[in-house]
Amino acid sequence: MKVTGLRKSLAALAIIASASTVSSIAYAVDGSYVSNATGANILTANTWYRTNFPLSGGVPPTTAKVTSINWQYNIGMIPSGGTFVAQLCHGTTLNCIDISTAKNGSTTAFANRNASIAFFMQYRVNRTSAFPALYGHPAQLIVNWTN
């Protein structure tokens, strides 16, 4: 009888010990948010135009770090003799990558950067003369993060 009571007591202590251990462990929380915007109209040659992507939906905490970004954008017909340039940027124009040849894609170039800082795209058409306006189209970012 005494052995059974001792086993129950030891089992209860083991459960209590494991429960207190579990509550003290910090778990990583991963998430993502989707941000939609309409691309800026490109009206003048050799000028940067910007599309901001607001933090939306599951906004990450300020301690969250970016893991990857997926993007999608569209642009009208680039005028003859013109060169299209597009960049995906994080926070400032000093943190940009070239996405000119990929209207959709994914990158880890911003990995470990603060996920609570908004992204934007900037684009331009380099050309020596004027051209008809290129009107903005829907664009989307998916920001994946870990905390």
N, C-alpha and C. Protein backbone atom coordinates (compact mmCIF):
# COMPACT_ATOMS: atom_id res chain seq x y z
N MET A 1 0.81 -1.19 0.00
CA MET A 1 0.00 0.00 0.00
C MET A 1 0.85 1.25 0.00
N LYS A 2 1.89 1.22 0.80
CA LYS A 2 2.73 2.40 0.91
C LYS A 2 3.46 2.68 -0.41
N VAL A 3 3.83 1.66 -1.16
CA VAL A 3 4.51 1.84 -2.43
C VAL A 3 3.59 2.52 -3.44
N THR A 4 2.32 2.12 -3.49
CA THR A 4 1.36 2.72 -4.40
C THR A 4 1.18 4.20 -4.09
N GLY A 5 1.04 4.54 -2.82
CA GLY A 5 0.90 5.93 -2.41
C GLY A 5 2.13 6.74 -2.76
N LEU A 6 3.30 6.15 -2.61
CA LEU A 6 4.56 6.81 -2.96
C LEU A 6 4.63 7.05 -4.46
N ARG A 7 4.19 6.04 -5.26
CA ARG A 7 4.19 6.19 -6.73
C ARG A 7 3.27 7.34 -7.15
N LYS A 8 2.11 7.42 -6.53
CA LYS A 8 1.17 8.50 -6.86
C LYS A 8 1.77 9.85 -6.52
N SER A 9 2.43 9.94 -5.39
CA SER A 9 3.06 11.20 -4.98
C SER A 9 4.18 11.58 -5.94
N LEU A 10 5.00 10.61 -6.32
CA LEU A 10 6.09 10.88 -7.27
C LEU A 10 5.53 11.28 -8.63
N ALA A 11 4.47 10.62 -9.06
CA ALA A 11 3.85 10.97 -10.34
C ALA A 11 3.29 12.38 -10.30
N ALA A 12 2.66 12.75 -9.20
CA ALA A 12 2.11 14.10 -9.04
C ALA A 12 3.23 15.13 -9.06
N LEU A 13 4.33 14.85 -8.40
CA LEU A 13 5.48 15.77 -8.40
C LEU A 13 6.06 15.91 -9.80
N ALA A 14 6.13 14.82 -10.53
CA ALA A 14 6.66 14.87 -11.90
C ALA A 14 5.78 15.75 -12.79
N ILE A 15 4.46 15.64 -12.63
CA ILE A 15 3.53 16.46 -13.41
C ILE A 15 3.69 17.93 -13.06
N ILE A 16 3.78 18.24 -11.79
CA ILE A 16 3.96 19.62 -11.34
C ILE A 16 5.27 20.18 -11.86
N ALA A 17 6.34 19.40 -11.77
CA ALA A 17 7.66 19.85 -12.24
C ALA A 17 7.64 20.11 -13.73
N SER A 18 7.02 19.21 -14.50
CA SER A 18 7.00 19.41 -15.95
C SER A 18 6.12 20.60 -16.32
N ALA A 19 5.03 20.82 -15.62
CA ALA A 19 4.15 21.97 -15.90
C ALA A 19 4.87 23.28 -15.62
N SER A 20 5.63 23.34 -14.54
CA SER A 20 6.34 24.58 -14.25
C SER A 20 7.46 24.81 -15.24
N THR A 21 8.07 23.75 -15.75
CA THR A 21 9.12 23.89 -16.76
C THR A 21 8.53 24.41 -18.05
N VAL A 22 7.38 23.87 -18.46
CA VAL A 22 6.74 24.28 -19.70
C VAL A 22 6.36 25.75 -19.65
N SER A 23 5.85 26.21 -18.51
CA SER A 23 5.42 27.60 -18.44
C SER A 23 6.60 28.58 -18.47
N SER A 24 7.80 28.11 -18.17
CA SER A 24 8.93 29.02 -18.17
C SER A 24 9.68 29.04 -19.51
N ILE A 25 9.32 28.19 -20.43
CA ILE A 25 9.98 28.15 -21.74
C ILE A 25 9.34 29.20 -22.64
N ALA A 26 10.17 29.99 -23.32
CA ALA A 26 9.66 30.98 -24.27
C ALA A 26 9.56 30.33 -25.65
N TYR A 27 8.40 30.44 -26.27
CA TYR A 27 8.21 29.86 -27.58
C TYR A 27 8.27 30.96 -28.64
N ALA A 28 8.89 30.63 -29.78
CA ALA A 28 8.94 31.56 -30.89
C ALA A 28 7.57 31.62 -31.55
N VAL A 29 7.15 32.80 -31.93
CA VAL A 29 5.88 32.99 -32.60
C VAL A 29 6.17 33.47 -34.01
N ASP A 30 5.72 32.74 -35.00
CA ASP A 30 5.92 33.12 -36.39
C ASP A 30 4.62 33.67 -36.94
N GLY A 31 4.73 34.51 -37.94
CA GLY A 31 3.54 35.06 -38.54
C GLY A 31 3.84 35.68 -39.88
N SER A 32 2.83 36.29 -40.46
CA SER A 32 2.98 36.99 -41.72
C SER A 32 1.85 38.00 -41.84
N TYR A 33 2.04 38.95 -42.70
CA TYR A 33 0.96 39.86 -43.03
C TYR A 33 0.98 40.12 -44.53
N VAL A 34 -0.18 40.41 -45.05
CA VAL A 34 -0.35 40.71 -46.47
C VAL A 34 -0.68 42.19 -46.59
N SER A 35 0.00 42.87 -47.49
CA SER A 35 -0.25 44.29 -47.70
C SER A 35 -0.50 44.54 -49.18
N ASN A 36 -1.62 45.17 -49.47
CA ASN A 36 -1.99 45.47 -50.85
C ASN A 36 -1.95 46.98 -51.08
N ALA A 37 -1.55 47.37 -52.27
CA ALA A 37 -1.49 48.79 -52.64
C ALA A 37 -1.66 48.91 -54.15
N THR A 38 -1.95 50.11 -54.58
CA THR A 38 -1.98 50.38 -56.02
C THR A 38 -0.70 51.12 -56.37
N GLY A 39 -0.02 50.61 -57.38
CA GLY A 39 1.24 51.22 -57.80
C GLY A 39 1.06 52.66 -58.22
N ALA A 40 2.09 53.44 -57.99
CA ALA A 40 2.07 54.86 -58.37
C ALA A 40 2.03 55.01 -59.89
N ASN A 41 1.44 56.10 -60.35
CA ASN A 41 1.48 56.43 -61.77
C ASN A 41 2.85 57.00 -62.10
N ILE A 42 3.44 56.52 -63.18
CA ILE A 42 4.74 57.04 -63.62
C ILE A 42 4.46 58.06 -64.71
N LEU A 43 4.71 59.33 -64.39
CA LEU A 43 4.31 60.43 -65.28
C LEU A 43 5.48 61.09 -66.00
N THR A 44 6.66 61.03 -65.41
CA THR A 44 7.82 61.75 -65.93
C THR A 44 9.02 60.82 -66.00
N ALA A 45 9.79 60.94 -67.03
CA ALA A 45 11.00 60.13 -67.17
C ALA A 45 12.02 60.50 -66.09
N ASN A 46 12.82 59.50 -65.70
CA ASN A 46 13.96 59.69 -64.80
C ASN A 46 13.59 60.21 -63.41
N THR A 47 12.40 59.89 -62.95
CA THR A 47 11.91 60.31 -61.63
C THR A 47 11.42 59.09 -60.87
N TRP A 48 11.82 58.97 -59.60
CA TRP A 48 11.36 57.86 -58.77
C TRP A 48 9.92 58.10 -58.33
N TYR A 49 9.10 57.07 -58.41
CA TYR A 49 7.73 57.06 -57.90
C TYR A 49 7.63 55.95 -56.87
N ARG A 50 6.88 56.20 -55.82
CA ARG A 50 6.88 55.29 -54.67
C ARG A 50 5.48 54.76 -54.35
N THR A 51 5.42 53.48 -54.01
CA THR A 51 4.19 52.85 -53.52
C THR A 51 4.48 52.31 -52.13
N ASN A 52 3.76 52.84 -51.15
CA ASN A 52 3.93 52.39 -49.76
C ASN A 52 3.02 51.21 -49.48
N PHE A 53 3.54 50.25 -48.74
CA PHE A 53 2.77 49.09 -48.31
C PHE A 53 2.57 49.19 -46.81
N PRO A 54 1.34 49.51 -46.39
CA PRO A 54 1.10 49.67 -44.96
C PRO A 54 1.17 48.33 -44.22
N LEU A 55 1.56 48.39 -42.95
CA LEU A 55 1.48 47.21 -42.09
C LEU A 55 0.00 46.91 -41.93
N SER A 56 -0.39 45.68 -42.14
CA SER A 56 -1.82 45.36 -42.06
C SER A 56 -2.01 43.95 -41.52
N GLY A 57 -3.25 43.70 -41.12
CA GLY A 57 -3.58 42.36 -40.63
C GLY A 57 -2.81 42.01 -39.38
N GLY A 58 -2.04 40.94 -39.44
CA GLY A 58 -1.26 40.47 -38.30
C GLY A 58 0.02 41.26 -38.15
N VAL A 59 -0.08 42.50 -37.68
CA VAL A 59 1.09 43.37 -37.54
C VAL A 59 2.06 42.74 -36.53
N PRO A 60 3.31 42.58 -36.92
CA PRO A 60 4.28 41.94 -36.03
C PRO A 60 4.68 42.85 -34.87
N PRO A 61 5.09 42.25 -33.75
CA PRO A 61 5.60 43.05 -32.64
C PRO A 61 6.94 43.69 -33.04
N THR A 62 7.35 44.71 -32.31
CA THR A 62 8.59 45.42 -32.65
C THR A 62 9.83 44.55 -32.50
N THR A 63 9.71 43.42 -31.83
CA THR A 63 10.85 42.50 -31.68
C THR A 63 10.92 41.47 -32.79
N ALA A 64 9.92 41.43 -33.69
CA ALA A 64 9.87 40.42 -34.76
C ALA A 64 10.91 40.72 -35.83
N LYS A 65 11.44 39.66 -36.43
CA LYS A 65 12.44 39.77 -37.49
C LYS A 65 11.88 39.17 -38.79
N VAL A 66 12.17 39.82 -39.89
CA VAL A 66 11.75 39.35 -41.21
C VAL A 66 12.45 38.02 -41.51
N THR A 67 11.70 37.09 -42.09
CA THR A 67 12.32 35.86 -42.59
C THR A 67 12.37 35.87 -44.11
N SER A 68 11.26 36.25 -44.75
CA SER A 68 11.23 36.34 -46.22
C SER A 68 10.10 37.28 -46.66
N ILE A 69 10.20 37.73 -47.88
CA ILE A 69 9.21 38.62 -48.49
C ILE A 69 8.81 38.03 -49.84
N ASN A 70 7.52 38.03 -50.11
CA ASN A 70 7.01 37.68 -51.44
C ASN A 70 6.39 38.96 -52.01
N TRP A 71 6.58 39.20 -53.28
CA TRP A 71 6.00 40.39 -53.89
C TRP A 71 5.37 40.06 -55.23
N GLN A 72 4.51 40.99 -55.64
CA GLN A 72 3.87 40.91 -56.95
C GLN A 72 3.49 42.33 -57.36
N TYR A 73 3.83 42.72 -58.57
CA TYR A 73 3.43 44.01 -59.10
C TYR A 73 3.25 43.88 -60.60
N ASN A 74 2.67 44.90 -61.20
CA ASN A 74 2.49 44.90 -62.64
C ASN A 74 2.74 46.32 -63.13
N ILE A 75 3.11 46.43 -64.36
CA ILE A 75 3.41 47.73 -64.96
C ILE A 75 2.92 47.69 -66.41
N GLY A 76 2.50 48.84 -66.91
CA GLY A 76 2.05 48.92 -68.30
C GLY A 76 3.21 48.73 -69.27
N MET A 77 2.96 49.01 -70.53
CA MET A 77 3.96 48.86 -71.58
C MET A 77 5.04 49.93 -71.43
N ILE A 78 6.27 49.49 -71.27
CA ILE A 78 7.40 50.42 -71.16
C ILE A 78 7.61 51.05 -72.53
N PRO A 79 7.73 52.37 -72.59
CA PRO A 79 7.87 53.03 -73.89
C PRO A 79 9.18 52.65 -74.59
N SER A 80 9.12 52.65 -75.89
CA SER A 80 10.30 52.35 -76.70
C SER A 80 11.45 53.28 -76.31
N GLY A 81 12.62 52.73 -76.15
CA GLY A 81 13.78 53.53 -75.77
C GLY A 81 13.86 53.79 -74.28
N GLY A 82 12.93 53.24 -73.51
CA GLY A 82 12.92 53.44 -72.07
C GLY A 82 13.43 52.21 -71.32
N THR A 83 13.97 52.44 -70.15
CA THR A 83 14.43 51.36 -69.29
C THR A 83 13.67 51.45 -67.97
N PHE A 84 13.02 50.36 -67.60
CA PHE A 84 12.24 50.31 -66.36
C PHE A 84 13.13 49.83 -65.22
N VAL A 85 13.03 50.52 -64.08
CA VAL A 85 13.77 50.14 -62.88
C VAL A 85 12.78 50.05 -61.72
N ALA A 86 12.82 48.93 -60.98
CA ALA A 86 11.95 48.76 -59.81
C ALA A 86 12.80 48.26 -58.65
N GLN A 87 12.48 48.75 -57.46
CA GLN A 87 13.18 48.33 -56.25
C GLN A 87 12.18 48.06 -55.14
N LEU A 88 12.49 47.06 -54.33
CA LEU A 88 11.75 46.77 -53.11
C LEU A 88 12.61 47.27 -51.97
N CYS A 89 12.02 48.10 -51.10
CA CYS A 89 12.79 48.76 -50.05
C CYS A 89 12.19 48.54 -48.68
N HIS A 90 13.04 48.58 -47.68
CA HIS A 90 12.63 48.39 -46.29
C HIS A 90 13.01 49.63 -45.50
N GLY A 91 12.02 50.44 -45.15
CA GLY A 91 12.26 51.62 -44.31
C GLY A 91 12.79 52.84 -45.02
N THR A 92 13.93 52.71 -45.70
CA THR A 92 14.55 53.85 -46.39
C THR A 92 15.04 53.42 -47.76
N THR A 93 15.43 54.39 -48.57
CA THR A 93 15.96 54.08 -49.90
C THR A 93 17.38 53.50 -49.82
N LEU A 94 17.95 53.45 -48.62
CA LEU A 94 19.27 52.84 -48.45
C LEU A 94 19.19 51.32 -48.32
N ASN A 95 17.98 50.80 -48.11
CA ASN A 95 17.77 49.36 -47.93
C ASN A 95 16.87 48.81 -49.02
N CYS A 96 17.38 48.74 -50.24
CA CYS A 96 16.58 48.32 -51.40
C CYS A 96 17.27 47.19 -52.16
N ILE A 97 16.44 46.39 -52.82
CA ILE A 97 16.96 45.40 -53.76
C ILE A 97 16.29 45.64 -55.11
N ASP A 98 16.97 45.28 -56.18
CA ASP A 98 16.45 45.47 -57.52
C ASP A 98 15.48 44.34 -57.86
N ILE A 99 14.27 44.69 -58.27
CA ILE A 99 13.27 43.71 -58.70
C ILE A 99 12.75 44.06 -60.10
N SER A 100 13.56 44.75 -60.87
CA SER A 100 13.16 45.25 -62.19
C SER A 100 12.73 44.14 -63.14
N THR A 101 13.40 43.01 -63.10
CA THR A 101 13.11 41.94 -64.06
C THR A 101 12.20 40.85 -63.49
N ALA A 102 11.73 41.03 -62.26
CA ALA A 102 10.87 40.02 -61.63
C ALA A 102 9.61 40.68 -61.09
N LYS A 103 8.52 40.59 -61.83
CA LYS A 103 7.27 41.21 -61.39
C LYS A 103 6.65 40.45 -60.22
N ASN A 104 7.11 39.25 -59.99
CA ASN A 104 6.73 38.53 -58.77
C ASN A 104 7.92 37.68 -58.36
N GLY A 105 8.04 37.49 -57.06
CA GLY A 105 9.17 36.73 -56.57
C GLY A 105 9.20 36.67 -55.06
N SER A 106 10.31 36.17 -54.56
CA SER A 106 10.51 36.00 -53.13
C SER A 106 11.98 36.28 -52.83
N THR A 107 12.23 36.81 -51.63
CA THR A 107 13.60 37.08 -51.24
C THR A 107 13.79 36.92 -49.74
N THR A 108 15.01 36.61 -49.36
CA THR A 108 15.41 36.60 -47.95
C THR A 108 16.42 37.72 -47.71
N ALA A 109 16.54 38.64 -48.64
CA ALA A 109 17.53 39.72 -48.54
C ALA A 109 17.31 40.60 -47.30
N PHE A 110 16.09 40.63 -46.79
CA PHE A 110 15.79 41.46 -45.62
C PHE A 110 15.73 40.65 -44.33
N ALA A 111 16.20 39.42 -44.38
CA ALA A 111 16.15 38.54 -43.21
C ALA A 111 16.83 39.19 -42.01
N ASN A 112 16.22 39.00 -40.86
CA ASN A 112 16.70 39.51 -39.57
C ASN A 112 16.54 41.01 -39.39
N ARG A 113 15.87 41.68 -40.32
CA ARG A 113 15.57 43.10 -40.12
C ARG A 113 14.23 43.22 -39.39
N ASN A 114 13.99 44.36 -38.81
CA ASN A 114 12.79 44.60 -38.01
C ASN A 114 11.53 44.48 -38.88
N ALA A 115 10.68 43.51 -38.54
CA ALA A 115 9.47 43.24 -39.34
C ALA A 115 8.37 44.27 -39.10
N SER A 116 8.49 45.11 -38.09
CA SER A 116 7.45 46.11 -37.84
C SER A 116 7.72 47.42 -38.58
N ILE A 117 8.75 47.46 -39.38
CA ILE A 117 9.03 48.62 -40.24
C ILE A 117 8.48 48.33 -41.63
N ALA A 118 7.72 49.27 -42.18
CA ALA A 118 7.01 49.07 -43.44
C ALA A 118 7.96 49.00 -44.64
N PHE A 119 7.49 48.32 -45.67
CA PHE A 119 8.20 48.21 -46.94
C PHE A 119 7.55 49.14 -47.96
N PHE A 120 8.29 49.42 -49.02
CA PHE A 120 7.73 50.16 -50.15
C PHE A 120 8.44 49.72 -51.43
N MET A 121 7.81 50.01 -52.56
CA MET A 121 8.44 49.81 -53.87
C MET A 121 8.63 51.19 -54.48
N GLN A 122 9.72 51.32 -55.20
CA GLN A 122 9.91 52.55 -55.97
C GLN A 122 10.29 52.15 -57.39
N TYR A 123 9.80 52.94 -58.34
CA TYR A 123 10.08 52.63 -59.72
C TYR A 123 10.20 53.89 -60.55
N ARG A 124 10.82 53.69 -61.71
CA ARG A 124 11.03 54.80 -62.63
C ARG A 124 11.23 54.26 -64.04
N VAL A 125 11.07 55.13 -65.01
CA VAL A 125 11.41 54.82 -66.39
C VAL A 125 12.50 55.79 -66.80
N ASN A 126 13.64 55.26 -67.14
CA ASN A 126 14.75 56.09 -67.63
C ASN A 126 14.59 56.23 -69.14
N ARG A 127 14.55 57.48 -69.59
CA ARG A 127 14.34 57.76 -71.01
C ARG A 127 14.76 59.19 -71.28
N THR A 128 15.22 59.46 -72.50
CA THR A 128 15.69 60.81 -72.83
C THR A 128 14.57 61.75 -73.23
N SER A 129 13.36 61.23 -73.46
CA SER A 129 12.26 62.11 -73.86
C SER A 129 10.98 61.71 -73.12
N ALA A 130 9.98 62.55 -73.23
CA ALA A 130 8.69 62.32 -72.56
C ALA A 130 8.00 61.08 -73.14
N PHE A 131 7.02 60.57 -72.40
CA PHE A 131 6.26 59.40 -72.83
C PHE A 131 4.88 59.47 -72.20
N PRO A 132 3.92 58.72 -72.73
CA PRO A 132 2.59 58.69 -72.12
C PRO A 132 2.66 58.08 -70.72
N ALA A 133 1.82 58.54 -69.84
CA ALA A 133 1.82 58.07 -68.45
C ALA A 133 1.61 56.56 -68.38
N LEU A 134 2.29 55.95 -67.41
CA LEU A 134 2.05 54.54 -67.07
C LEU A 134 1.25 54.55 -65.78
N TYR A 135 0.05 53.99 -65.81
CA TYR A 135 -0.82 54.04 -64.66
C TYR A 135 -0.59 52.86 -63.73
N GLY A 136 -0.72 53.13 -62.43
CA GLY A 136 -0.47 52.13 -61.41
C GLY A 136 -1.44 50.95 -61.48
N HIS A 137 -0.93 49.80 -61.13
CA HIS A 137 -1.69 48.56 -61.08
C HIS A 137 -1.62 48.01 -59.65
N PRO A 138 -2.50 47.07 -59.31
CA PRO A 138 -2.43 46.46 -57.98
C PRO A 138 -1.07 45.79 -57.74
N ALA A 139 -0.62 45.91 -56.50
CA ALA A 139 0.64 45.29 -56.08
C ALA A 139 0.42 44.68 -54.70
N GLN A 140 1.24 43.69 -54.37
CA GLN A 140 1.06 43.01 -53.08
C GLN A 140 2.40 42.56 -52.52
N LEU A 141 2.49 42.64 -51.20
CA LEU A 141 3.64 42.10 -50.45
C LEU A 141 3.10 41.13 -49.41
N ILE A 142 3.83 40.06 -49.19
CA ILE A 142 3.58 39.16 -48.06
C ILE A 142 4.87 39.15 -47.26
N VAL A 143 4.79 39.62 -46.04
CA VAL A 143 5.97 39.69 -45.16
C VAL A 143 5.86 38.56 -44.15
N ASN A 144 6.83 37.67 -44.18
CA ASN A 144 6.90 36.56 -43.22
C ASN A 144 7.90 36.92 -42.15
N TRP A 145 7.57 36.62 -40.88
CA TRP A 145 8.43 37.02 -39.77
C TRP A 145 8.43 35.98 -38.66
N THR A 146 9.44 36.12 -37.80
CA THR A 146 9.54 35.27 -36.61
C THR A 146 9.85 36.16 -35.42
N ASN A 147 9.47 35.71 -34.24
CA ASN A 147 9.71 36.51 -33.05
C ASN A 147 10.41 35.65 -32.00
